[in-house]
C-alpha atoms as a PDB file:
ATOM      1  CA  MET A   1      39.956  -8.323  11.818  1.00  0.00           C
ATOM      2  CA  LYS A   2      40.032  -5.410   9.403  1.00  0.00           C
ATOM      3  CA  PHE A   3      37.464  -2.683   9.387  1.00  0.00           C
ATOM      4  CA  ALA A   4      36.852  -1.638   5.811  1.00  0.00           C
ATOM      5  CA  LEU A   5      34.276   1.129   5.936  1.00  0.00           C
ATOM      6  CA  ARG A   6      32.031   2.950   8.355  1.00  0.00           C
ATOM      7  CA  ILE A   7      29.725   5.793   7.389  1.00  0.00           C
ATOM      8  CA  GLU A   8      27.217   7.309   9.768  1.00  0.00           C
ATOM      9  CA  LYS A   9      25.500  10.340   8.364  1.00  0.00           C
ATOM     10  CA  GLU A  10      21.993  11.738   8.378  1.00  0.00           C
ATOM     11  CA  ILE A  11      20.740  12.030   4.813  1.00  0.00           C
ATOM     12  CA  LYS A  12      17.879  14.289   3.878  1.00  0.00           C
ATOM     13  CA  ARG A  13      15.951  13.179   0.834  1.00  0.00           C
ATOM     14  CA  SER A  14      12.861  14.031  -1.125  1.00  0.00           C
ATOM     15  CA  THR A  15       9.803  11.849  -0.876  1.00  0.00           C
ATOM     16  CA  CYS A  16       6.232  11.766  -2.158  1.00  0.00           C
ATOM     17  CA  LEU A  17       2.719  10.648  -1.319  1.00  0.00           C
ATOM     18  CA  TYR A  18      -0.257  11.019  -3.651  1.00  0.00           C
ATOM     19  CA  GLY A  19      -3.868  10.132  -3.015  1.00  0.00           C
ATOM     20  CA  PHE A  20      -7.254  10.568  -4.609  1.00  0.00           C
ATOM     21  CA  ASP A  21     -10.757   9.122  -4.489  1.00  0.00           C
ATOM     22  CA  PHE A  22     -12.452   7.210  -7.296  1.00  0.00           C
ATOM     23  CA  ASP A  23     -15.996   8.466  -7.897  1.00  0.00           C
ATOM     24  CA  ASN A  24     -18.873   6.012  -7.384  1.00  0.00           C
ATOM     25  CA  PHE A  25     -16.521   3.285  -6.202  1.00  0.00           C
ATOM     26  CA  ASP A  26     -17.994  -0.058  -5.163  1.00  0.00           C
ATOM     27  CA  GLY A  27     -15.482  -2.442  -3.590  1.00  0.00           C
ATOM     28  CA  THR A  28     -18.013  -5.190  -2.821  1.00  0.00           C
ATOM     29  CA  ASP A  29     -16.540  -7.656  -5.335  1.00  0.00           C
ATOM     30  CA  PHE A  30     -13.025  -7.142  -3.966  1.00  0.00           C
ATOM     31  CA  ILE A  31     -14.255  -7.595  -0.384  1.00  0.00           C
ATOM     32  CA  GLU A  32     -16.020 -10.841  -1.328  1.00  0.00           C
ATOM     33  CA  ILE A  33     -12.838 -12.149  -2.969  1.00  0.00           C
ATOM     34  CA  ILE A  34     -10.740 -11.277   0.104  1.00  0.00           C
ATOM     35  CA  ASP A  35     -13.215 -12.826   2.553  1.00  0.00           C
ATOM     36  CA  ASP A  36     -13.620 -15.979   0.422  1.00  0.00           C
ATOM     37  CA  VAL A  37      -9.846 -16.492   0.210  1.00  0.00           C
ATOM     38  CA  LEU A  38      -9.410 -15.880   3.944  1.00  0.00           C
ATOM     39  CA  LYS A  39     -11.975 -18.606   4.746  1.00  0.00           C
ATOM     40  CA  ASN A  40      -9.701 -21.225   3.193  1.00  0.00           C
ATOM     41  CA  ASN A  41      -6.208 -19.804   3.599  1.00  0.00           C
ATOM     42  CA  ASN A  42      -4.782 -18.226   6.728  1.00  0.00           C
ATOM     43  CA  GLU A  43      -1.109 -18.716   5.857  1.00  0.00           C
ATOM     44  CA  TRP A  44      -0.335 -14.965   5.979  1.00  0.00           C
ATOM     45  CA  ASN A  45      -2.587 -14.016   8.901  1.00  0.00           C
ATOM     46  CA  TYR A  46      -0.655 -12.162  11.630  1.00  0.00           C
ATOM     47  CA  LYS A  47       2.705 -13.180  10.088  1.00  0.00           C
ATOM     48  CA  SER A  48       3.759  -9.912   8.471  1.00  0.00           C
ATOM     49  CA  ASN A  49       3.620  -6.232   9.371  1.00  0.00           C
ATOM     50  CA  VAL A  50      -0.135  -6.628   8.961  1.00  0.00           C
ATOM     51  CA  LYS A  51      -1.228  -7.827  12.395  1.00  0.00           C
ATOM     52  CA  GLY A  52      -4.510  -9.000  10.951  1.00  0.00           C
ATOM     53  CA  LYS A  53      -5.798 -11.071   8.066  1.00  0.00           C
ATOM     54  CA  ARG A  54      -3.879 -11.008   4.794  1.00  0.00           C
ATOM     55  CA  THR A  55      -4.222 -12.907   1.534  1.00  0.00           C
ATOM     56  CA  GLU A  56      -1.511 -13.976  -0.858  1.00  0.00           C
ATOM     57  CA  ASN A  57      -0.948 -11.856  -4.007  1.00  0.00           C
ATOM     58  CA  ILE A  58      -4.413 -12.629  -5.386  1.00  0.00           C
ATOM     59  CA  PHE A  59      -4.913  -9.335  -7.252  1.00  0.00           C
ATOM     60  CA  LEU A  60      -1.796  -9.357  -9.478  1.00  0.00           C
ATOM     61  CA  GLU A  61      -3.776 -10.549 -12.505  1.00  0.00           C
ATOM     62  CA  ASN A  62      -7.250  -9.376 -11.463  1.00  0.00           C
ATOM     63  CA  PRO A  63      -8.682  -7.414 -14.442  1.00  0.00           C
ATOM     64  CA  SER A  64     -10.689  -5.011 -12.261  1.00  0.00           C
ATOM     65  CA  PHE A  65      -7.679  -4.159 -10.119  1.00  0.00           C
ATOM     66  CA  LYS A  66      -5.457  -3.777 -13.196  1.00  0.00           C
ATOM     67  CA  ALA A  67      -8.038  -1.345 -14.638  1.00  0.00           C
ATOM     68  CA  ILE A  68      -7.835   0.711 -11.413  1.00  0.00           C
ATOM     69  CA  MET A  69      -4.045   0.811 -11.714  1.00  0.00           C
ATOM     70  CA  THR A  70      -4.295   1.970 -15.343  1.00  0.00           C
ATOM     71  CA  ALA A  71      -6.812   4.683 -14.427  1.00  0.00           C
ATOM     72  CA  SER A  72      -4.547   5.761 -11.555  1.00  0.00           C
ATOM     73  CA  LYS A  73      -1.555   6.068 -13.863  1.00  0.00           C
ATOM     74  CA  ASP A  74      -3.614   8.138 -16.314  1.00  0.00           C
ATOM     75  CA  TYR A  75      -4.809  10.451 -13.539  1.00  0.00           C
ATOM     76  CA  LEU A  76      -1.427  10.854 -11.842  1.00  0.00           C
ATOM     77  CA  SER A  77       0.412  11.519 -15.115  1.00  0.00           C
ATOM     78  CA  ALA A  78      -1.323  14.912 -15.291  1.00  0.00           C
ATOM     79  CA  PHE A  79       0.857  16.229 -12.460  1.00  0.00           C
ATOM     80  CA  THR A  80       3.637  13.727 -11.664  1.00  0.00           C
ATOM     81  CA  GLY A  81       5.860  11.230 -13.425  1.00  0.00           C
ATOM     82  CA  LEU A  82       5.565   8.788 -10.530  1.00  0.00           C
ATOM     83  CA  LEU A  83       3.977   6.028 -12.609  1.00  0.00           C
ATOM     84  CA  ASN A  84       5.239   7.080 -16.031  1.00  0.00           C
ATOM     85  CA  PRO A  85       8.250   4.769 -16.104  1.00  0.00           C
ATOM     86  CA  GLU A  86       7.441   1.215 -17.000  1.00  0.00           C
ATOM     87  CA  TYR A  87       6.703  -0.676 -13.815  1.00  0.00           C
ATOM     88  CA  THR A  88       5.866  -4.163 -12.644  1.00  0.00           C
ATOM     89  CA  LEU A  89       3.129  -4.818 -10.122  1.00  0.00           C
ATOM     90  CA  SER A  90       5.048  -7.044  -7.712  1.00  0.00           C
ATOM     91  CA  ASP A  91       2.550  -7.364  -4.864  1.00  0.00           C
ATOM     92  CA  ALA A  92      -1.221  -6.975  -4.715  1.00  0.00           C
ATOM     93  CA  TYR A  93      -2.841  -8.624  -1.716  1.00  0.00           C
ATOM     94  CA  GLY A  94      -5.997  -8.117   0.286  1.00  0.00           C
ATOM     95  CA  ILE A  95      -6.143  -7.261   3.968  1.00  0.00           C
ATOM     96  CA  ARG A  96      -8.929  -7.373   6.523  1.00  0.00           C
ATOM     97  CA  LEU A  97      -8.331  -5.747   9.879  1.00  0.00           C
ATOM     98  CA  ASP A  98     -10.929  -6.768  12.428  1.00  0.00           C
ATOM     99  CA  ARG A  99     -11.383  -5.272  15.913  1.00  0.00           C
ATOM    100  CA  GLY A 100      -7.977  -5.208  17.620  1.00  0.00           C
ATOM    101  CA  ASP A 101      -5.987  -5.794  14.417  1.00  0.00           C
ATOM    102  CA  TRP A 102      -3.320  -3.269  13.455  1.00  0.00           C
ATOM    103  CA  THR A 103      -0.357  -2.624  11.187  1.00  0.00           C
ATOM    104  CA  ALA A 104       3.159  -2.402  12.611  1.00  0.00           C
ATOM    105  CA  ASN A 105       5.405   0.531  11.731  1.00  0.00           C
ATOM    106  CA  HIS A 106       7.270  -0.497   8.597  1.00  0.00           C
ATOM    107  CA  ARG A 107       8.293   0.441   5.085  1.00  0.00           C
ATOM    108  CA  HIS A 108       8.405  -1.400   1.780  1.00  0.00           C
ATOM    109  CA  GLY A 109      12.047  -0.757   0.922  1.00  0.00           C
ATOM    110  CA  GLN A 110      12.102  -3.668  -1.502  1.00  0.00           C
ATOM    111  CA  ALA A 111       9.876  -1.724  -3.934  1.00  0.00           C
ATOM    112  CA  ASN A 112       9.997   1.703  -5.590  1.00  0.00           C
ATOM    113  CA  VAL A 113       6.377   2.730  -5.026  1.00  0.00           C
ATOM    114  CA  SER A 114       3.867   1.310  -2.560  1.00  0.00           C
ATOM    115  CA  GLY A 115       0.189   1.908  -2.204  1.00  0.00           C
ATOM    116  CA  ILE A 116      -3.180   0.962  -0.843  1.00  0.00           C
ATOM    117  CA  LEU A 117      -6.707   0.955  -2.231  1.00  0.00           C
ATOM    118  CA  TYR A 118      -9.321   1.243   0.507  1.00  0.00           C
ATOM    119  CA  LEU A 119     -12.489  -0.781   0.069  1.00  0.00           C
ATOM    120  CA  THR A 120     -14.325   0.324   3.220  1.00  0.00           C
ATOM    121  CA  SER A 121     -14.603   3.374   5.436  1.00  0.00           C
ATOM    122  CA  SER A 122     -12.851   3.173   8.787  1.00  0.00           C
ATOM    123  CA  ASN A 123     -11.699   5.361  11.655  1.00  0.00           C
ATOM    124  CA  GLN A 124      -8.485   3.287  11.760  1.00  0.00           C
ATOM    125  CA  LYS A 125      -6.267   5.793   9.979  1.00  0.00           C
ATOM    126  CA  LEU A 126      -2.991   5.143   8.216  1.00  0.00           C
ATOM    127  CA  PHE A 127      -0.207   7.192   9.804  1.00  0.00           C
ATOM    128  CA  PHE A 128       2.998   8.367   8.104  1.00  0.00           C
ATOM    129  CA  PRO A 129       5.261   9.442  11.013  1.00  0.00           C
ATOM    130  CA  GLU A 130       7.882  11.167   8.833  1.00  0.00           C
ATOM    131  CA  LEU A 131       5.151  13.332   7.280  1.00  0.00           C
ATOM    132  CA  LYS A 132       3.135  13.636  10.495  1.00  0.00           C
ATOM    133  CA  LEU A 133       0.096  12.761   8.398  1.00  0.00           C
ATOM    134  CA  HIS A 134      -2.986  10.606   9.112  1.00  0.00           C
ATOM    135  CA  VAL A 135      -5.122   9.378   6.207  1.00  0.00           C
ATOM    136  CA  LYS A 136      -8.691   8.201   6.825  1.00  0.00           C
ATOM    137  CA  PRO A 137      -9.763   5.160   4.793  1.00  0.00           C
ATOM    138  CA  GLU A 138     -12.739   5.722   2.502  1.00  0.00           C
ATOM    139  CA  PRO A 139     -14.046   3.392  -0.228  1.00  0.00           C
ATOM    140  CA  GLY A 140     -12.205   4.099  -3.478  1.00  0.00           C
ATOM    141  CA  ARG A 141      -9.449   6.142  -1.840  1.00  0.00           C
ATOM    142  CA  ILE A 142      -6.093   5.138  -3.297  1.00  0.00           C
ATOM    143  CA  LEU A 143      -2.658   6.204  -2.080  1.00  0.00           C
ATOM    144  CA  PHE A 144       0.754   5.938  -3.763  1.00  0.00           C
ATOM    145  CA  TRP A 145       3.966   6.693  -1.854  1.00  0.00           C
ATOM    146  CA  ASP A 146       7.721   6.371  -1.881  1.00  0.00           C
ATOM    147  CA  SER A 147       8.277   2.849  -0.561  1.00  0.00           C
ATOM    148  CA  LEU A 148      10.832   4.075   1.967  1.00  0.00           C
ATOM    149  CA  LEU A 149       8.190   6.071   3.864  1.00  0.00           C
ATOM    150  CA  ARG A 150       7.356   4.481   7.205  1.00  0.00           C
ATOM    151  CA  HIS A 151       3.669   3.915   7.940  1.00  0.00           C
ATOM    152  CA  GLU A 152       1.451   2.180  10.480  1.00  0.00           C
ATOM    153  CA  SER A 153      -2.052   1.969  11.887  1.00  0.00           C
ATOM    154  CA  LYS A 154      -3.160   1.664  15.488  1.00  0.00           C
ATOM    155  CA  PRO A 155      -5.551  -1.140  16.529  1.00  0.00           C
ATOM    156  CA  ASN A 156      -8.966  -1.135  14.915  1.00  0.00           C
ATOM    157  CA  LEU A 157     -11.442  -0.080  17.604  1.00  0.00           C
ATOM    158  CA  GLU A 158     -14.536  -0.658  15.470  1.00  0.00           C
ATOM    159  CA  ASP A 159     -16.671  -3.782  15.215  1.00  0.00           C
ATOM    160  CA  LYS A 160     -16.673  -3.583  11.423  1.00  0.00           C
ATOM    161  CA  PRO A 161     -13.564  -4.734   9.572  1.00  0.00           C
ATOM    162  CA  LYS A 162     -11.381  -2.515   7.401  1.00  0.00           C
ATOM    163  CA  HIS A 163     -10.726  -3.998   3.948  1.00  0.00           C
ATOM    164  CA  ALA A 164      -8.066  -2.846   1.491  1.00  0.00           C
ATOM    165  CA  ILE A 165      -5.724  -3.956  -1.274  1.00  0.00           C
ATOM    166  CA  VAL A 166      -2.028  -3.295  -0.652  1.00  0.00           C
ATOM    167  CA  PHE A 167       0.359  -3.150  -3.605  1.00  0.00           C
ATOM    168  CA  ASN A 168       4.005  -2.588  -4.509  1.00  0.00           C
ATOM    169  CA  LEU A 169       5.532  -1.485  -7.806  1.00  0.00           C
ATOM    170  CA  HIS A 170       9.043  -1.961  -9.175  1.00  0.00           C
ATOM    171  CA  TYR A 171      10.347   0.167 -12.015  1.00  0.00           C
ATOM    172  CA  ALA A 172      11.614  -1.680 -15.057  1.00  0.00           C
ATOM    173  CA  ALA A 173      15.381  -2.050 -15.367  1.00  0.00           C
ATOM    174  CA  GLY A 174      17.023   1.277 -16.143  1.00  0.00           C
ATOM    175  CA  GLN A 175      14.025   3.357 -15.081  1.00  0.00           C
ATOM    176  CA  TYR A 176      14.632   5.808 -12.266  1.00  0.00           C
ATOM    177  CA  LEU A 177      12.995   8.938 -10.956  1.00  0.00           C
ATOM    178  CA  GLU A 178      15.288  11.455  -9.314  1.00  0.00           C
ATOM    179  CA  TYR A 179      12.973  12.134  -6.368  1.00  0.00           C
ATOM    180  CA  ILE A 180      12.390   8.474  -5.531  1.00  0.00           C
ATOM    181  CA  SER A 181      15.169   7.018  -3.425  1.00  0.00           C
END
């Protein structure tokens, strides 16, 4: 057996995380869609890094969600080029984390940019270990981050569920930002 190549080296790299809150946000319609879908389809429940309820990619073509993504791009373009390259929304699914549900430590390495739109307030914070940062969910709070950033949440200790929309973006062919790995 031949050994062709072996490289073991710590690599330091740049990363990013952006977040902001939409004013006067009402996520009721999104929550109703998620809960309605979960009543009839539990295919994804507890079968991914989301150790809770998860829908399929039901928000990819949702006009209200697409409008939020457009508004986010407009806002972020004032201070970063993160969403300026052409991108494809490759995932957009709803989650509901009830008491005891949690999110395993993971990353979305298959995408360029990942994010979450919170629909409810919760004390179940999202934790980014590499940044040593906790983010508290609030309705209308949206986060965008380098998909290679690890993140997780501990079990939900509240009786009320946490609802959110998780999404992933891929840059169009040939598009690349230097600070995104």
